[in-house]
Amino acid sequence: MPGEDPERPFLVPQTLNVRHGLFIMENLATEVLARAEVSEFMFVLTHHKTRGSTAAVIAPAAVT
């Protein structure tokens, strides 16, 4: 897969986050849920509303 276009850096995060409101969370620590064999939970994500940013501090939580 080719790398990002140097003329348009961070195109994917900008498209997903800013234009579509989708969050990229590839570093969630889910080991505790997996060890406990939890298969259903409510996922809650809070974040600060920012304008035009491609990153933010988030506070994810799994309610079992």
N, C-alpha and C. Protein backbone atom coordinates (compact mmCIF):
# COMPACT_ATOMS: atom_id res chain seq x y z
N MET A 1 0.85 -1.17 0.00
CA MET A 1 0.00 0.00 0.00
C MET A 1 0.90 1.24 0.00
N PRO A 2 0.71 2.14 -0.88
CA PRO A 2 1.57 3.34 -0.90
C PRO A 2 1.33 4.23 0.30
N GLY A 3 2.35 5.01 0.63
CA GLY A 3 2.24 5.97 1.74
C GLY A 3 1.34 7.13 1.38
N GLU A 4 1.17 8.01 2.37
CA GLU A 4 0.32 9.18 2.13
C GLU A 4 0.94 10.11 1.09
N ASP A 5 0.10 10.86 0.46
CA ASP A 5 0.53 11.84 -0.53
C ASP A 5 1.24 12.98 0.20
N PRO A 6 2.52 13.25 -0.12
CA PRO A 6 3.24 14.32 0.57
C PRO A 6 2.60 15.70 0.37
N GLU A 7 1.83 15.86 -0.68
CA GLU A 7 1.15 17.14 -0.92
C GLU A 7 -0.09 17.30 -0.04
N ARG A 8 -0.59 16.19 0.51
CA ARG A 8 -1.80 16.23 1.35
C ARG A 8 -1.59 15.38 2.60
N PRO A 9 -0.72 15.83 3.53
CA PRO A 9 -0.44 15.02 4.71
C PRO A 9 -1.67 14.88 5.61
N PHE A 10 -1.77 13.77 6.28
CA PHE A 10 -2.85 13.48 7.24
C PHE A 10 -4.23 13.48 6.61
N LEU A 11 -4.30 13.08 5.36
CA LEU A 11 -5.57 13.08 4.64
C LEU A 11 -6.58 12.12 5.28
N VAL A 12 -6.13 10.93 5.68
CA VAL A 12 -7.05 9.94 6.25
C VAL A 12 -7.65 10.42 7.57
N PRO A 13 -6.84 10.86 8.56
CA PRO A 13 -7.45 11.35 9.79
C PRO A 13 -8.38 12.55 9.57
N GLN A 14 -7.98 13.44 8.68
CA GLN A 14 -8.84 14.61 8.41
C GLN A 14 -10.17 14.17 7.82
N THR A 15 -10.13 13.22 6.91
CA THR A 15 -11.37 12.76 6.28
C THR A 15 -12.25 12.04 7.28
N LEU A 16 -11.68 11.09 8.03
CA LEU A 16 -12.49 10.32 8.97
C LEU A 16 -12.96 11.16 10.15
N ASN A 17 -12.05 11.89 10.79
CA ASN A 17 -12.40 12.65 11.99
C ASN A 17 -13.24 13.88 11.70
N VAL A 18 -12.73 14.73 10.85
CA VAL A 18 -13.35 16.04 10.65
C VAL A 18 -14.58 15.97 9.76
N ARG A 19 -14.47 15.29 8.64
CA ARG A 19 -15.60 15.29 7.69
C ARG A 19 -16.69 14.29 8.04
N HIS A 20 -16.29 13.14 8.63
CA HIS A 20 -17.28 12.09 8.89
C HIS A 20 -17.57 11.86 10.38
N GLY A 21 -16.81 12.50 11.26
CA GLY A 21 -17.04 12.34 12.70
C GLY A 21 -16.68 10.97 13.23
N LEU A 22 -15.80 10.23 12.54
CA LEU A 22 -15.39 8.91 12.99
C LEU A 22 -14.06 9.01 13.74
N PHE A 23 -13.94 8.26 14.80
CA PHE A 23 -12.73 8.30 15.62
C PHE A 23 -11.86 7.09 15.33
N ILE A 24 -10.55 7.32 15.26
CA ILE A 24 -9.59 6.25 15.04
C ILE A 24 -8.98 5.94 16.40
N MET A 25 -9.26 4.74 16.92
CA MET A 25 -8.79 4.38 18.26
C MET A 25 -8.04 3.05 18.19
N GLU A 26 -6.86 3.06 17.58
CA GLU A 26 -6.15 1.80 17.40
C GLU A 26 -5.37 1.36 18.63
N ASN A 27 -5.31 2.17 19.67
CA ASN A 27 -4.51 1.82 20.84
C ASN A 27 -5.34 1.57 22.09
N LEU A 28 -6.57 1.10 21.95
CA LEU A 28 -7.38 0.82 23.13
C LEU A 28 -6.84 -0.43 23.83
N ALA A 29 -6.74 -0.36 25.16
CA ALA A 29 -6.28 -1.51 25.95
C ALA A 29 -7.50 -2.34 26.34
N THR A 30 -7.71 -3.44 25.64
CA THR A 30 -8.88 -4.29 25.88
C THR A 30 -8.51 -5.63 26.50
N GLU A 31 -7.29 -5.75 26.99
CA GLU A 31 -6.82 -7.02 27.53
C GLU A 31 -7.66 -7.49 28.72
N VAL A 32 -8.04 -6.58 29.61
CA VAL A 32 -8.82 -6.96 30.79
C VAL A 32 -10.17 -7.54 30.38
N LEU A 33 -10.82 -6.92 29.41
CA LEU A 33 -12.09 -7.44 28.92
C LEU A 33 -11.91 -8.82 28.29
N ALA A 34 -10.85 -8.99 27.53
CA ALA A 34 -10.61 -10.28 26.88
C ALA A 34 -10.33 -11.37 27.90
N ARG A 35 -9.50 -11.06 28.91
CA ARG A 35 -9.20 -12.06 29.94
C ARG A 35 -10.45 -12.47 30.72
N ALA A 36 -11.34 -11.52 30.95
CA ALA A 36 -12.58 -11.81 31.68
C ALA A 36 -13.64 -12.42 30.77
N GLU A 37 -13.30 -12.61 29.50
CA GLU A 37 -14.21 -13.18 28.49
C GLU A 37 -15.52 -12.39 28.39
N VAL A 38 -15.41 -11.09 28.52
CA VAL A 38 -16.57 -10.21 28.35
C VAL A 38 -16.89 -10.12 26.87
N SER A 39 -18.12 -10.44 26.51
CA SER A 39 -18.49 -10.41 25.10
C SER A 39 -19.50 -9.30 24.78
N GLU A 40 -20.10 -8.72 25.81
CA GLU A 40 -21.03 -7.61 25.60
C GLU A 40 -20.75 -6.53 26.63
N PHE A 41 -20.70 -5.29 26.17
CA PHE A 41 -20.51 -4.16 27.07
C PHE A 41 -20.96 -2.90 26.36
N MET A 42 -21.18 -1.86 27.14
CA MET A 42 -21.52 -0.56 26.56
C MET A 42 -20.22 0.23 26.46
N PHE A 43 -19.93 0.72 25.28
CA PHE A 43 -18.72 1.52 25.06
C PHE A 43 -19.09 2.99 25.11
N VAL A 44 -18.38 3.75 25.96
CA VAL A 44 -18.65 5.18 26.12
C VAL A 44 -17.36 5.93 25.80
N LEU A 45 -17.48 6.95 24.97
CA LEU A 45 -16.31 7.75 24.60
C LEU A 45 -16.63 9.22 24.78
N THR A 46 -15.82 9.90 25.56
CA THR A 46 -15.99 11.34 25.72
C THR A 46 -14.74 12.03 25.16
N HIS A 47 -14.95 13.23 24.68
CA HIS A 47 -13.83 14.00 24.15
C HIS A 47 -14.20 15.47 24.15
N HIS A 48 -13.19 16.30 24.09
CA HIS A 48 -13.42 17.73 23.98
C HIS A 48 -13.79 18.07 22.54
N LYS A 49 -14.75 18.93 22.38
CA LYS A 49 -15.10 19.39 21.03
C LYS A 49 -14.01 20.34 20.55
N THR A 50 -13.42 19.99 19.44
CA THR A 50 -12.40 20.86 18.85
C THR A 50 -12.78 21.12 17.40
N ARG A 51 -12.24 22.14 16.86
CA ARG A 51 -12.57 22.50 15.49
C ARG A 51 -11.35 22.33 14.59
N GLY A 52 -11.48 21.48 13.58
CA GLY A 52 -10.43 21.31 12.59
C GLY A 52 -9.26 20.47 13.04
N SER A 53 -9.32 19.86 14.22
CA SER A 53 -8.19 19.08 14.69
C SER A 53 -8.28 17.64 14.20
N THR A 54 -7.16 16.95 14.21
CA THR A 54 -7.15 15.54 13.84
C THR A 54 -6.76 14.67 15.02
N ALA A 55 -6.65 15.25 16.21
CA ALA A 55 -6.32 14.47 17.40
C ALA A 55 -6.93 15.14 18.62
N ALA A 56 -7.24 14.34 19.62
CA ALA A 56 -7.79 14.88 20.87
C ALA A 56 -7.58 13.87 21.98
N VAL A 57 -7.54 14.36 23.20
CA VAL A 57 -7.47 13.47 24.36
C VAL A 57 -8.87 12.88 24.54
N ILE A 58 -8.93 11.55 24.69
CA ILE A 58 -10.22 10.90 24.86
C ILE A 58 -10.25 10.13 26.17
N ALA A 59 -11.44 9.81 26.64
CA ALA A 59 -11.62 9.03 27.87
C ALA A 59 -12.59 7.88 27.59
N PRO A 60 -12.09 6.79 26.98
CA PRO A 60 -12.99 5.66 26.69
C PRO A 60 -13.28 4.84 27.94
N ALA A 61 -14.46 4.24 27.98
CA ALA A 61 -14.84 3.38 29.10
C ALA A 61 -15.72 2.25 28.60
N ALA A 62 -15.53 1.07 29.18
CA ALA A 62 -16.39 -0.08 28.88
C ALA A 62 -17.21 -0.37 30.14
N VAL A 63 -18.51 -0.29 30.04
CA VAL A 63 -19.41 -0.54 31.16
C VAL A 63 -19.97 -1.95 30.98
N THR A 64 -19.66 -2.83 31.95
CA THR A 64 -20.13 -4.21 31.83
C THR A 64 -21.32 -4.46 32.71
